[in-house]
Amino acid sequence: MTATAARSPGRKSKPPQDLRSEEEILAERRKGRIGLYLIIPGMAVLALFFAAPVVVLLGMSLYARPPGAEIGEFVPGLEFGNYATVVSAYWEVFLRSFLFAFIATVAALVIGYPMAYLVAVRLRGRQLLQGILLVLLIAPFFSSFILRTQAWKQILSDEGPVVTVLRAIAILPADGHLTATAFAVVCGLTYNFLPFMMLPIYANLDRLDTNLLEASGDLYASPLTTFFKVTLPLSMPGVFAGTLLTFIPAAGDYVNAALLGNNRDTAMIGQIIDSRFFKVVDYPGASALSFILMILILALVMLYIRRFGTKELF
């Protein structure tokens, strides 16, 4: 009987002995402990400045107002009705906020992708021109967020150049205006979060191998076919990151809605949360709104990642 036949199928072979020396094993364990020590500060920061505030926010959202209490006076409790109250009152604002954020994200993608493609691909090799264009694209965003939004209020004012031109070509009525409208809010969101869309796409396209584009042309593919079959699929990780980085802050923004909107049919949920915290002094309601917004954004992001995650792009 051969050695192979003599082996029983159910018998487990002995694992190979560890040939490493005791010093090597101790060195590996020491490296593992060092890695653990290095992540402890980061985990502590996350626990202190993220996990703890979320727990406090959740607890405050369940506070109850005792009968006859003064404004802003609440006691700890389990008042789950706070969630039903704010949802029934502000569900339309949630939908409007996500709609504005979605439109701004799409607009930022349509504007930012060609800009990123021009700088990263078409101007490759011209480092000086690339640097100048990048500075021109990013430099305005070194100024204050509020100042940039106020500038859009002046640009879209009734005496501004945009309204004047639109009235001259009969697109906007003589008594029409753009300020205090949903259009102005979406314009502000798109402009203010455009770098969050453009920079990830630029970073991805900057690593694109242009030989693939030349090979596509050699195979008689048109420029449009090359873009949709080669360039766009290879840049999808940048598009994926840019859409997330744009949609998430845009959905919770309140500055653009407050400065460019009319506080009625353009109000966003961030604006409502700010008002209930500092004007109405309804801490449980504002906390419930904040927690609902966080959960909804997390759910949307998870669905987006599950459907369009980078692992499924290729």
C-alpha atoms as a PDB file:
ATOM      1  CA  MET A   1       0.000   0.000   0.000  1.00  0.00           C
ATOM      2  CA  THR A   2       1.412   3.371  -0.958  1.00  0.00           C
ATOM      3  CA  ALA A   3       1.797   6.299   1.400  1.00  0.00           C
ATOM      4  CA  THR A   4      -1.022   8.153  -0.374  1.00  0.00           C
ATOM      5  CA  ALA A   5      -3.416   5.237  -0.035  1.00  0.00           C
ATOM      6  CA  ALA A   6      -2.488   4.728   3.572  1.00  0.00           C
ATOM      7  CA  ARG A   7      -3.707   8.193   4.519  1.00  0.00           C
ATOM      8  CA  SER A   8      -7.171   8.123   5.990  1.00  0.00           C
ATOM      9  CA  PRO A   9      -9.567  10.711   4.504  1.00  0.00           C
ATOM     10  CA  GLY A  10     -10.893  11.582   7.928  1.00  0.00           C
ATOM     11  CA  ARG A  11      -7.489  11.891   9.592  1.00  0.00           C
ATOM     12  CA  LYS A  12      -6.164  15.449   9.915  1.00  0.00           C
ATOM     13  CA  SER A  13      -2.530  16.056   9.166  1.00  0.00           C
ATOM     14  CA  LYS A  14      -0.477  17.794  11.821  1.00  0.00           C
ATOM     15  CA  PRO A  15       0.020  21.503  11.199  1.00  0.00           C
ATOM     16  CA  PRO A  16       3.546  22.518  10.235  1.00  0.00           C
ATOM     17  CA  GLN A  17       5.656  23.658  13.123  1.00  0.00           C
ATOM     18  CA  ASP A  18       6.423  27.359  13.431  1.00  0.00           C
ATOM     19  CA  LEU A  19       9.999  27.673  12.232  1.00  0.00           C
ATOM     20  CA  ARG A  20      10.367  31.242  13.489  1.00  0.00           C
ATOM     21  CA  SER A  21      12.694  31.924  16.339  1.00  0.00           C
ATOM     22  CA  GLU A  22      11.464  33.178  19.683  1.00  0.00           C
ATOM     23  CA  GLU A  23      12.954  36.607  18.965  1.00  0.00           C
ATOM     24  CA  GLU A  24      11.000  36.901  15.700  1.00  0.00           C
ATOM     25  CA  ILE A  25       7.752  35.932  17.406  1.00  0.00           C
ATOM     26  CA  LEU A  26       8.315  38.510  20.147  1.00  0.00           C
ATOM     27  CA  ALA A  27       9.167  41.165  17.552  1.00  0.00           C
ATOM     28  CA  GLU A  28       5.928  40.464  15.667  1.00  0.00           C
ATOM     29  CA  ARG A  29       3.878  40.682  18.843  1.00  0.00           C
ATOM     30  CA  ARG A  30       5.619  43.941  19.712  1.00  0.00           C
ATOM     31  CA  LYS A  31       4.671  45.381  16.307  1.00  0.00           C
ATOM     32  CA  GLY A  32       1.051  44.380  16.906  1.00  0.00           C
ATOM     33  CA  ARG A  33       1.018  46.184  20.242  1.00  0.00           C
ATOM     34  CA  ILE A  34       2.579  49.289  18.672  1.00  0.00           C
ATOM     35  CA  GLY A  35      -0.148  49.332  16.013  1.00  0.00           C
ATOM     36  CA  LEU A  36      -2.779  49.070  18.734  1.00  0.00           C
ATOM     37  CA  TYR A  37      -1.211  51.958  20.636  1.00  0.00           C
ATOM     38  CA  LEU A  38      -1.212  54.091  17.471  1.00  0.00           C
ATOM     39  CA  ILE A  39      -4.939  53.710  16.830  1.00  0.00           C
ATOM     40  CA  ILE A  40      -5.979  54.368  20.434  1.00  0.00           C
ATOM     41  CA  PRO A  41      -5.741  58.216  20.105  1.00  0.00           C
ATOM     42  CA  GLY A  42      -7.839  58.173  16.936  1.00  0.00           C
ATOM     43  CA  MET A  43     -10.448  55.909  18.501  1.00  0.00           C
ATOM     44  CA  ALA A  44     -10.538  58.149  21.574  1.00  0.00           C
ATOM     45  CA  VAL A  45     -11.121  61.239  19.421  1.00  0.00           C
ATOM     46  CA  LEU A  46     -13.943  59.482  17.533  1.00  0.00           C
ATOM     47  CA  ALA A  47     -15.530  58.343  20.777  1.00  0.00           C
ATOM     48  CA  LEU A  48     -15.265  61.788  22.382  1.00  0.00           C
ATOM     49  CA  PHE A  49     -16.247  64.017  19.466  1.00  0.00           C
ATOM     50  CA  PHE A  50     -18.538  61.748  17.421  1.00  0.00           C
ATOM     51  CA  ALA A  51     -20.000  58.861  19.381  1.00  0.00           C
ATOM     52  CA  ALA A  52     -20.612  60.811  22.602  1.00  0.00           C
ATOM     53  CA  PRO A  53     -22.389  63.760  20.876  1.00  0.00           C
ATOM     54  CA  VAL A  54     -24.597  61.324  18.953  1.00  0.00           C
ATOM     55  CA  VAL A  55     -25.593  59.616  22.194  1.00  0.00           C
ATOM     56  CA  VAL A  56     -26.300  62.987  23.834  1.00  0.00           C
ATOM     57  CA  LEU A  57     -28.311  64.054  20.769  1.00  0.00           C
ATOM     58  CA  LEU A  58     -30.372  60.879  20.908  1.00  0.00           C
ATOM     59  CA  GLY A  59     -31.003  61.296  24.625  1.00  0.00           C
ATOM     60  CA  MET A  60     -32.010  64.946  24.250  1.00  0.00           C
ATOM     61  CA  SER A  61     -34.412  64.089  21.432  1.00  0.00           C
ATOM     62  CA  LEU A  62     -36.426  62.071  23.976  1.00  0.00           C
ATOM     63  CA  TYR A  63     -36.661  64.847  26.566  1.00  0.00           C
ATOM     64  CA  ALA A  64     -40.155  65.866  27.652  1.00  0.00           C
ATOM     65  CA  ARG A  65     -41.570  69.251  28.599  1.00  0.00           C
ATOM     66  CA  PRO A  66     -43.400  69.116  31.932  1.00  0.00           C
ATOM     67  CA  PRO A  67     -46.814  70.771  32.213  1.00  0.00           C
ATOM     68  CA  GLY A  68     -46.594  74.480  32.935  1.00  0.00           C
ATOM     69  CA  ALA A  69     -42.853  74.601  32.231  1.00  0.00           C
ATOM     70  CA  GLU A  70     -41.259  77.741  30.860  1.00  0.00           C
ATOM     71  CA  ILE A  71     -39.853  78.003  27.334  1.00  0.00           C
ATOM     72  CA  GLY A  72     -36.697  75.955  27.003  1.00  0.00           C
ATOM     73  CA  GLU A  73     -37.312  73.896  30.137  1.00  0.00           C
ATOM     74  CA  PHE A  74     -37.242  70.132  29.569  1.00  0.00           C
ATOM     75  CA  VAL A  75     -36.642  67.045  31.682  1.00  0.00           C
ATOM     76  CA  PRO A  76     -35.136  63.654  30.735  1.00  0.00           C
ATOM     77  CA  GLY A  77     -37.676  61.140  29.556  1.00  0.00           C
ATOM     78  CA  LEU A  78     -38.688  58.749  26.800  1.00  0.00           C
ATOM     79  CA  GLU A  79     -40.938  61.003  24.741  1.00  0.00           C
ATOM     80  CA  PHE A  80     -40.884  59.140  21.405  1.00  0.00           C
ATOM     81  CA  GLY A  81     -43.746  61.345  20.274  1.00  0.00           C
ATOM     82  CA  ASN A  82     -41.183  64.049  19.531  1.00  0.00           C
ATOM     83  CA  TYR A  83     -40.216  62.137  16.392  1.00  0.00           C
ATOM     84  CA  ALA A  84     -43.783  61.756  15.178  1.00  0.00           C
ATOM     85  CA  THR A  85     -44.411  65.454  15.809  1.00  0.00           C
ATOM     86  CA  VAL A  86     -41.440  66.752  13.818  1.00  0.00           C
ATOM     87  CA  VAL A  87     -41.897  64.245  10.975  1.00  0.00           C
ATOM     88  CA  SER A  88     -45.545  65.186  10.514  1.00  0.00           C
ATOM     89  CA  ALA A  89     -44.653  68.875  10.601  1.00  0.00           C
ATOM     90  CA  TYR A  90     -41.543  68.894   8.413  1.00  0.00           C
ATOM     91  CA  TRP A  91     -41.642  65.899   6.059  1.00  0.00           C
ATOM     92  CA  GLU A  92     -42.043  68.252   3.095  1.00  0.00           C
ATOM     93  CA  VAL A  93     -38.912  70.128   4.187  1.00  0.00           C
ATOM     94  CA  PHE A  94     -36.975  66.856   4.268  1.00  0.00           C
ATOM     95  CA  LEU A  95     -38.063  66.066   0.718  1.00  0.00           C
ATOM     96  CA  ARG A  96     -37.209  69.583  -0.443  1.00  0.00           C
ATOM     97  CA  SER A  97     -33.771  69.432   1.155  1.00  0.00           C
ATOM     98  CA  PHE A  98     -32.913  66.148  -0.536  1.00  0.00           C
ATOM     99  CA  LEU A  99     -34.306  67.401  -3.850  1.00  0.00           C
ATOM    100  CA  PHE A 100     -32.214  70.591  -3.713  1.00  0.00           C
ATOM    101  CA  ALA A 101     -29.137  68.572  -2.728  1.00  0.00           C
ATOM    102  CA  PHE A 102     -29.725  66.107  -5.584  1.00  0.00           C
ATOM    103  CA  ILE A 103     -30.139  68.858  -8.192  1.00  0.00           C
ATOM    104  CA  ALA A 104     -27.049  70.662  -6.903  1.00  0.00           C
ATOM    105  CA  THR A 105     -25.053  67.410  -6.998  1.00  0.00           C
ATOM    106  CA  VAL A 106     -26.052  66.718 -10.603  1.00  0.00           C
ATOM    107  CA  ALA A 107     -25.320  70.313 -11.606  1.00  0.00           C
ATOM    108  CA  ALA A 108     -21.923  70.191  -9.883  1.00  0.00           C
ATOM    109  CA  LEU A 109     -21.131  66.959 -11.733  1.00  0.00           C
ATOM    110  CA  VAL A 110     -22.116  68.444 -15.102  1.00  0.00           C
ATOM    111  CA  ILE A 111     -19.998  71.543 -14.446  1.00  0.00           C
ATOM    112  CA  GLY A 112     -17.110  69.971 -12.556  1.00  0.00           C
ATOM    113  CA  TYR A 113     -16.381  66.948 -14.755  1.00  0.00           C
ATOM    114  CA  PRO A 114     -15.435  68.919 -17.914  1.00  0.00           C
ATOM    115  CA  MET A 115     -13.318  71.277 -15.812  1.00  0.00           C
ATOM    116  CA  ALA A 116     -11.496  68.383 -14.172  1.00  0.00           C
ATOM    117  CA  TYR A 117     -11.057  66.629 -17.533  1.00  0.00           C
ATOM    118  CA  LEU A 118      -9.594  69.752 -19.131  1.00  0.00           C
ATOM    119  CA  VAL A 119      -7.030  70.302 -16.402  1.00  0.00           C
ATOM    120  CA  ALA A 120      -6.122  66.658 -15.765  1.00  0.00           C
ATOM    121  CA  VAL A 121      -6.154  65.184 -19.285  1.00  0.00           C
ATOM    122  CA  ARG A 122      -6.183  67.784 -22.029  1.00  0.00           C
ATOM    123  CA  LEU A 123      -3.541  69.964 -20.383  1.00  0.00           C
ATOM    124  CA  ARG A 124      -1.352  67.092 -19.190  1.00  0.00           C
ATOM    125  CA  GLY A 125       2.291  67.973 -19.624  1.00  0.00           C
ATOM    126  CA  ARG A 126       1.669  71.710 -19.318  1.00  0.00           C
ATOM    127  CA  GLN A 127       2.374  71.958 -15.622  1.00  0.00           C
ATOM    128  CA  LEU A 128       2.419  75.751 -15.482  1.00  0.00           C
ATOM    129  CA  LEU A 129      -0.985  76.093 -17.159  1.00  0.00           C
ATOM    130  CA  GLN A 130      -2.380  73.267 -15.039  1.00  0.00           C
ATOM    131  CA  GLY A 131      -1.212  74.968 -11.862  1.00  0.00           C
ATOM    132  CA  ILE A 132      -2.665  78.329 -12.904  1.00  0.00           C
ATOM    133  CA  LEU A 133      -6.066  76.831 -13.713  1.00  0.00           C
ATOM    134  CA  LEU A 134      -6.161  74.869 -10.470  1.00  0.00           C
ATOM    135  CA  VAL A 135      -5.400  78.019  -8.502  1.00  0.00           C
ATOM    136  CA  LEU A 136      -8.090  79.938 -10.407  1.00  0.00           C
ATOM    137  CA  LEU A 137     -10.617  77.202  -9.713  1.00  0.00           C
ATOM    138  CA  ILE A 138      -9.829  76.784  -6.029  1.00  0.00           C
ATOM    139  CA  ALA A 139      -8.747  80.283  -4.936  1.00  0.00           C
ATOM    140  CA  PRO A 140     -12.304  81.705  -4.531  1.00  0.00           C
ATOM    141  CA  PHE A 141     -13.049  78.974  -2.016  1.00  0.00           C
ATOM    142  CA  PHE A 142     -10.348  80.219   0.322  1.00  0.00           C
ATOM    143  CA  SER A 143     -12.673  83.096   1.200  1.00  0.00           C
ATOM    144  CA  SER A 144     -15.571  82.973   3.634  1.00  0.00           C
ATOM    145  CA  PHE A 145     -18.485  80.661   2.832  1.00  0.00           C
ATOM    146  CA  ILE A 146     -20.951  83.370   3.860  1.00  0.00           C
ATOM    147  CA  LEU A 147     -19.245  86.044   1.764  1.00  0.00           C
ATOM    148  CA  ARG A 148     -19.425  83.852  -1.329  1.00  0.00           C
ATOM    149  CA  THR A 149     -23.113  83.214  -0.722  1.00  0.00           C
ATOM    150  CA  GLN A 150     -23.758  86.940  -0.235  1.00  0.00           C
ATOM    151  CA  ALA A 151     -21.977  87.561  -3.537  1.00  0.00           C
ATOM    152  CA  TRP A 152     -24.486  85.279  -5.263  1.00  0.00           C
ATOM    153  CA  LYS A 153     -27.259  87.319  -3.695  1.00  0.00           C
ATOM    154  CA  GLN A 154     -25.834  90.388  -5.430  1.00  0.00           C
ATOM    155  CA  ILE A 155     -25.280  88.546  -8.716  1.00  0.00           C
ATOM    156  CA  LEU A 156     -28.900  87.348  -8.831  1.00  0.00           C
ATOM    157  CA  SER A 157     -30.412  90.605  -7.571  1.00  0.00           C
ATOM    158  CA  ASP A 158     -32.978  92.462  -9.680  1.00  0.00           C
ATOM    159  CA  GLU A 159     -30.353  95.042 -10.652  1.00  0.00           C
ATOM    160  CA  GLY A 160     -27.690  92.419 -11.350  1.00  0.00           C
ATOM    161  CA  PRO A 161     -26.369  91.371 -14.762  1.00  0.00           C
ATOM    162  CA  VAL A 162     -28.110  87.978 -14.818  1.00  0.00           C
ATOM    163  CA  VAL A 163     -31.632  89.323 -14.327  1.00  0.00           C
ATOM    164  CA  THR A 164     -30.961  92.218 -16.704  1.00  0.00           C
ATOM    165  CA  VAL A 165     -29.888  89.884 -19.518  1.00  0.00           C
ATOM    166  CA  LEU A 166     -32.735  87.424 -18.915  1.00  0.00           C
ATOM    167  CA  ARG A 167     -35.255  90.256 -19.031  1.00  0.00           C
ATOM    168  CA  ALA A 168     -33.683  91.671 -22.195  1.00  0.00           C
ATOM    169  CA  ILE A 169     -34.053  88.369 -24.058  1.00  0.00           C
ATOM    170  CA  ALA A 170     -37.595  87.876 -22.683  1.00  0.00           C
ATOM    171  CA  ILE A 171     -36.776  84.732 -20.694  1.00  0.00           C
ATOM    172  CA  LEU A 172     -37.673  86.425 -17.416  1.00  0.00           C
ATOM    173  CA  PRO A 173     -40.762  88.647 -17.132  1.00  0.00           C
ATOM    174  CA  ALA A 174     -40.319  92.339 -16.422  1.00  0.00           C
ATOM    175  CA  ASP A 175     -41.484  91.843 -12.839  1.00  0.00           C
ATOM    176  CA  GLY A 176     -39.698  88.538 -12.377  1.00  0.00           C
ATOM    177  CA  HIS A 177     -36.789  87.988 -10.005  1.00  0.00           C
ATOM    178  CA  LEU A 178     -34.312  85.265  -9.080  1.00  0.00           C
ATOM    179  CA  THR A 179     -33.498  86.093  -5.483  1.00  0.00           C
ATOM    180  CA  ALA A 180     -35.538  84.433  -2.736  1.00  0.00           C
ATOM    181  CA  THR A 181     -36.301  81.507  -5.068  1.00  0.00           C
ATOM    182  CA  ALA A 182     -35.438  77.817  -5.221  1.00  0.00           C
ATOM    183  CA  PHE A 183     -33.258  78.582  -8.275  1.00  0.00           C
ATOM    184  CA  ALA A 184     -31.070  80.894  -6.201  1.00  0.00           C
ATOM    185  CA  VAL A 185     -30.710  78.321  -3.410  1.00  0.00           C
ATOM    186  CA  VAL A 186     -29.667  75.580  -5.856  1.00  0.00           C
ATOM    187  CA  CYS A 187     -27.201  77.955  -7.536  1.00  0.00           C
ATOM    188  CA  GLY A 188     -25.619  78.727  -4.179  1.00  0.00           C
ATOM    189  CA  LEU A 189     -25.408  75.041  -3.248  1.00  0.00           C
ATOM    190  CA  THR A 190     -23.880  74.132  -6.601  1.00  0.00           C
ATOM    191  CA  TYR A 191     -21.260  76.874  -6.468  1.00  0.00           C
ATOM    192  CA  ASN A 192     -20.274  76.417  -2.852  1.00  0.00           C
ATOM    193  CA  PHE A 193     -19.839  72.640  -3.085  1.00  0.00           C
ATOM    194  CA  LEU A 194     -18.386  72.486  -6.598  1.00  0.00           C
ATOM    195  CA  PRO A 195     -14.782  71.849  -5.368  1.00  0.00           C
ATOM    196  CA  PHE A 196     -15.970  68.799  -3.454  1.00  0.00           C
ATOM    197  CA  MET A 197     -17.099  67.366  -6.777  1.00  0.00           C
ATOM    198  CA  MET A 198     -14.281  68.541  -9.019  1.00  0.00           C
ATOM    199  CA  LEU A 199     -11.201  67.708  -6.950  1.00  0.00           C
ATOM    200  CA  PRO A 200     -11.861  63.939  -6.503  1.00  0.00           C
ATOM    201  CA  ILE A 201     -12.580  63.639 -10.231  1.00  0.00           C
ATOM    202  CA  TYR A 202      -9.420  65.586 -11.063  1.00  0.00           C
ATOM    203  CA  ALA A 203      -7.329  63.369  -8.777  1.00  0.00           C
ATOM    204  CA  ASN A 204      -8.734  60.272 -10.499  1.00  0.00           C
ATOM    205  CA  LEU A 205      -8.319  61.586 -14.049  1.00  0.00           C
ATOM    206  CA  ASP A 206      -4.803  62.758 -13.297  1.00  0.00           C
ATOM    207  CA  ARG A 207      -3.805  59.082 -12.953  1.00  0.00           C
ATOM    208  CA  LEU A 208      -5.564  58.077 -16.184  1.00  0.00           C
ATOM    209  CA  ASP A 209      -3.265  56.343 -18.690  1.00  0.00           C
ATOM    210  CA  THR A 210      -3.674  58.336 -21.912  1.00  0.00           C
ATOM    211  CA  ASN A 211      -2.304  55.381 -23.877  1.00  0.00           C
ATOM    212  CA  LEU A 212      -5.699  53.767 -23.376  1.00  0.00           C
ATOM    213  CA  LEU A 213      -7.349  56.723 -25.105  1.00  0.00           C
ATOM    214  CA  GLU A 214      -4.908  56.471 -28.009  1.00  0.00           C
ATOM    215  CA  ALA A 215      -5.523  52.730 -28.257  1.00  0.00           C
ATOM    216  CA  SER A 216      -9.260  53.341 -28.401  1.00  0.00           C
ATOM    217  CA  GLY A 217      -8.745  55.766 -31.275  1.00  0.00           C
ATOM    218  CA  ASP A 218      -6.522  53.267 -33.057  1.00  0.00           C
ATOM    219  CA  LEU A 219      -9.419  50.803 -32.859  1.00  0.00           C
ATOM    220  CA  TYR A 220     -11.576  53.348 -34.765  1.00  0.00           C
ATOM    221  CA  ALA A 221     -13.626  54.403 -31.761  1.00  0.00           C
ATOM    222  CA  SER A 222     -15.060  57.896 -31.976  1.00  0.00           C
ATOM    223  CA  PRO A 223     -14.156  60.447 -29.267  1.00  0.00           C
ATOM    224  CA  LEU A 224     -17.647  60.088 -27.814  1.00  0.00           C
ATOM    225  CA  THR A 225     -17.361  56.297 -27.714  1.00  0.00           C
ATOM    226  CA  THR A 226     -13.904  56.568 -26.144  1.00  0.00           C
ATOM    227  CA  PHE A 227     -15.301  58.812 -23.440  1.00  0.00           C
ATOM    228  CA  PHE A 228     -18.213  56.538 -22.518  1.00  0.00           C
ATOM    229  CA  LYS A 229     -16.316  53.259 -22.891  1.00  0.00           C
ATOM    230  CA  VAL A 230     -12.902  54.194 -21.486  1.00  0.00           C
ATOM    231  CA  THR A 231     -12.638  57.582 -19.762  1.00  0.00           C
ATOM    232  CA  LEU A 232     -15.905  57.620 -17.830  1.00  0.00           C
ATOM    233  CA  PRO A 233     -15.674  54.059 -16.435  1.00  0.00           C
ATOM    234  CA  LEU A 234     -12.075  54.635 -15.297  1.00  0.00           C
ATOM    235  CA  SER A 235     -13.049  57.901 -13.592  1.00  0.00           C
ATOM    236  CA  MET A 236     -16.104  56.520 -11.793  1.00  0.00           C
ATOM    237  CA  PRO A 237     -14.329  56.164  -8.412  1.00  0.00           C
ATOM    238  CA  GLY A 238     -13.731  59.939  -8.514  1.00  0.00           C
ATOM    239  CA  VAL A 239     -17.335  60.584  -9.542  1.00  0.00           C
ATOM    240  CA  PHE A 240     -18.518  58.279  -6.755  1.00  0.00           C
ATOM    241  CA  ALA A 241     -16.476  60.123  -4.125  1.00  0.00           C
ATOM    242  CA  GLY A 242     -17.421  63.542  -5.496  1.00  0.00           C
ATOM    243  CA  THR A 243     -21.150  62.874  -5.439  1.00  0.00           C
ATOM    244  CA  LEU A 244     -20.989  61.725  -1.824  1.00  0.00           C
ATOM    245  CA  LEU A 245     -18.858  64.694  -0.753  1.00  0.00           C
ATOM    246  CA  THR A 246     -21.301  67.061  -2.462  1.00  0.00           C
ATOM    247  CA  PHE A 247     -24.673  65.559  -1.573  1.00  0.00           C
ATOM    248  CA  ILE A 248     -24.054  64.954   2.139  1.00  0.00           C
ATOM    249  CA  PRO A 249     -23.142  68.549   3.164  1.00  0.00           C
ATOM    250  CA  ALA A 250     -25.634  70.036   0.684  1.00  0.00           C
ATOM    251  CA  ALA A 251     -28.537  68.112   2.228  1.00  0.00           C
ATOM    252  CA  GLY A 252     -27.843  69.562   5.671  1.00  0.00           C
ATOM    253  CA  ASP A 253     -26.849  73.077   4.588  1.00  0.00           C
ATOM    254  CA  TYR A 254     -28.746  76.063   5.913  1.00  0.00           C
ATOM    255  CA  VAL A 255     -26.642  79.092   4.936  1.00  0.00           C
ATOM    256  CA  ASN A 256     -27.690  79.095   1.276  1.00  0.00           C
ATOM    257  CA  ALA A 257     -31.364  78.608   2.134  1.00  0.00           C
ATOM    258  CA  ALA A 258     -31.220  81.373   4.743  1.00  0.00           C
ATOM    259  CA  LEU A 259     -29.423  83.945   2.563  1.00  0.00           C
ATOM    260  CA  LEU A 260     -30.760  83.100  -0.896  1.00  0.00           C
ATOM    261  CA  GLY A 261     -34.202  81.700  -0.047  1.00  0.00           C
ATOM    262  CA  ASN A 262     -37.438  83.201   1.249  1.00  0.00           C
ATOM    263  CA  ASN A 263     -37.878  81.154   4.478  1.00  0.00           C
ATOM    264  CA  ARG A 264     -41.183  79.750   3.183  1.00  0.00           C
ATOM    265  CA  ASP A 265     -41.154  77.461   0.158  1.00  0.00           C
ATOM    266  CA  THR A 266     -37.336  77.287  -0.027  1.00  0.00           C
ATOM    267  CA  ALA A 267     -36.559  76.406   3.601  1.00  0.00           C
ATOM    268  CA  MET A 268     -34.228  73.439   4.081  1.00  0.00           C
ATOM    269  CA  ILE A 269     -34.042  71.130   7.054  1.00  0.00           C
ATOM    270  CA  GLY A 270     -30.782  72.626   8.321  1.00  0.00           C
ATOM    271  CA  GLN A 271     -32.492  75.979   8.495  1.00  0.00           C
ATOM    272  CA  ILE A 272     -35.380  74.467  10.471  1.00  0.00           C
ATOM    273  CA  ILE A 273     -32.982  72.795  12.919  1.00  0.00           C
ATOM    274  CA  ASP A 274     -31.139  76.063  13.449  1.00  0.00           C
ATOM    275  CA  SER A 275     -34.413  77.876  14.066  1.00  0.00           C
ATOM    276  CA  ARG A 276     -35.714  75.329  16.579  1.00  0.00           C
ATOM    277  CA  PHE A 277     -32.450  75.327  18.496  1.00  0.00           C
ATOM    278  CA  PHE A 278     -31.863  79.067  18.772  1.00  0.00           C
ATOM    279  CA  LYS A 279     -35.230  80.777  18.163  1.00  0.00           C
ATOM    280  CA  VAL A 280     -37.995  78.423  19.233  1.00  0.00           C
ATOM    281  CA  VAL A 281     -35.760  76.885  21.943  1.00  0.00           C
ATOM    282  CA  ASP A 282     -37.221  73.443  21.277  1.00  0.00           C
ATOM    283  CA  TYR A 283     -34.182  71.303  22.035  1.00  0.00           C
ATOM    284  CA  PRO A 284     -35.947  67.906  21.851  1.00  0.00           C
ATOM    285  CA  GLY A 285     -37.582  68.761  18.528  1.00  0.00           C
ATOM    286  CA  ALA A 286     -34.350  70.094  17.051  1.00  0.00           C
ATOM    287  CA  SER A 287     -32.452  67.046  18.297  1.00  0.00           C
ATOM    288  CA  ALA A 288     -35.052  64.715  16.814  1.00  0.00           C
ATOM    289  CA  LEU A 289     -34.794  66.508  13.470  1.00  0.00           C
ATOM    290  CA  SER A 290     -31.002  66.266  13.569  1.00  0.00           C
ATOM    291  CA  PHE A 291     -31.072  62.570  14.387  1.00  0.00           C
ATOM    292  CA  ILE A 292     -33.635  61.841  11.659  1.00  0.00           C
ATOM    293  CA  LEU A 293     -31.542  63.770   9.130  1.00  0.00           C
ATOM    294  CA  MET A 294     -28.443  61.808  10.105  1.00  0.00           C
ATOM    295  CA  ILE A 295     -30.247  58.470   9.780  1.00  0.00           C
ATOM    296  CA  LEU A 296     -31.811  59.374   6.431  1.00  0.00           C
ATOM    297  CA  ILE A 297     -28.506  60.532   4.956  1.00  0.00           C
ATOM    298  CA  LEU A 298     -26.789  57.397   6.260  1.00  0.00           C
ATOM    299  CA  ALA A 299     -29.500  55.207   4.724  1.00  0.00           C
ATOM    300  CA  LEU A 300     -29.295  56.989   1.366  1.00  0.00           C
ATOM    301  CA  VAL A 301     -25.505  56.744   1.346  1.00  0.00           C
ATOM    302  CA  MET A 302     -25.613  53.028   2.165  1.00  0.00           C
ATOM    303  CA  LEU A 303     -28.112  52.419  -0.647  1.00  0.00           C
ATOM    304  CA  TYR A 304     -25.938  54.431  -3.014  1.00  0.00           C
ATOM    305  CA  ILE A 305     -22.816  52.521  -2.030  1.00  0.00           C
ATOM    306  CA  ARG A 306     -24.617  49.196  -2.349  1.00  0.00           C
ATOM    307  CA  ARG A 307     -25.881  50.076  -5.820  1.00  0.00           C
ATOM    308  CA  PHE A 308     -22.960  52.058  -7.250  1.00  0.00           C
ATOM    309  CA  GLY A 309     -20.061  51.083  -4.977  1.00  0.00           C
ATOM    310  CA  THR A 310     -16.606  51.167  -6.512  1.00  0.00           C
ATOM    311  CA  LYS A 311     -16.312  47.363  -6.329  1.00  0.00           C
ATOM    312  CA  GLU A 312     -19.085  47.110  -8.918  1.00  0.00           C
ATOM    313  CA  LEU A 313     -17.726  49.722 -11.284  1.00  0.00           C
ATOM    314  CA  PHE A 314     -15.393  47.469 -13.246  1.00  0.00           C
END
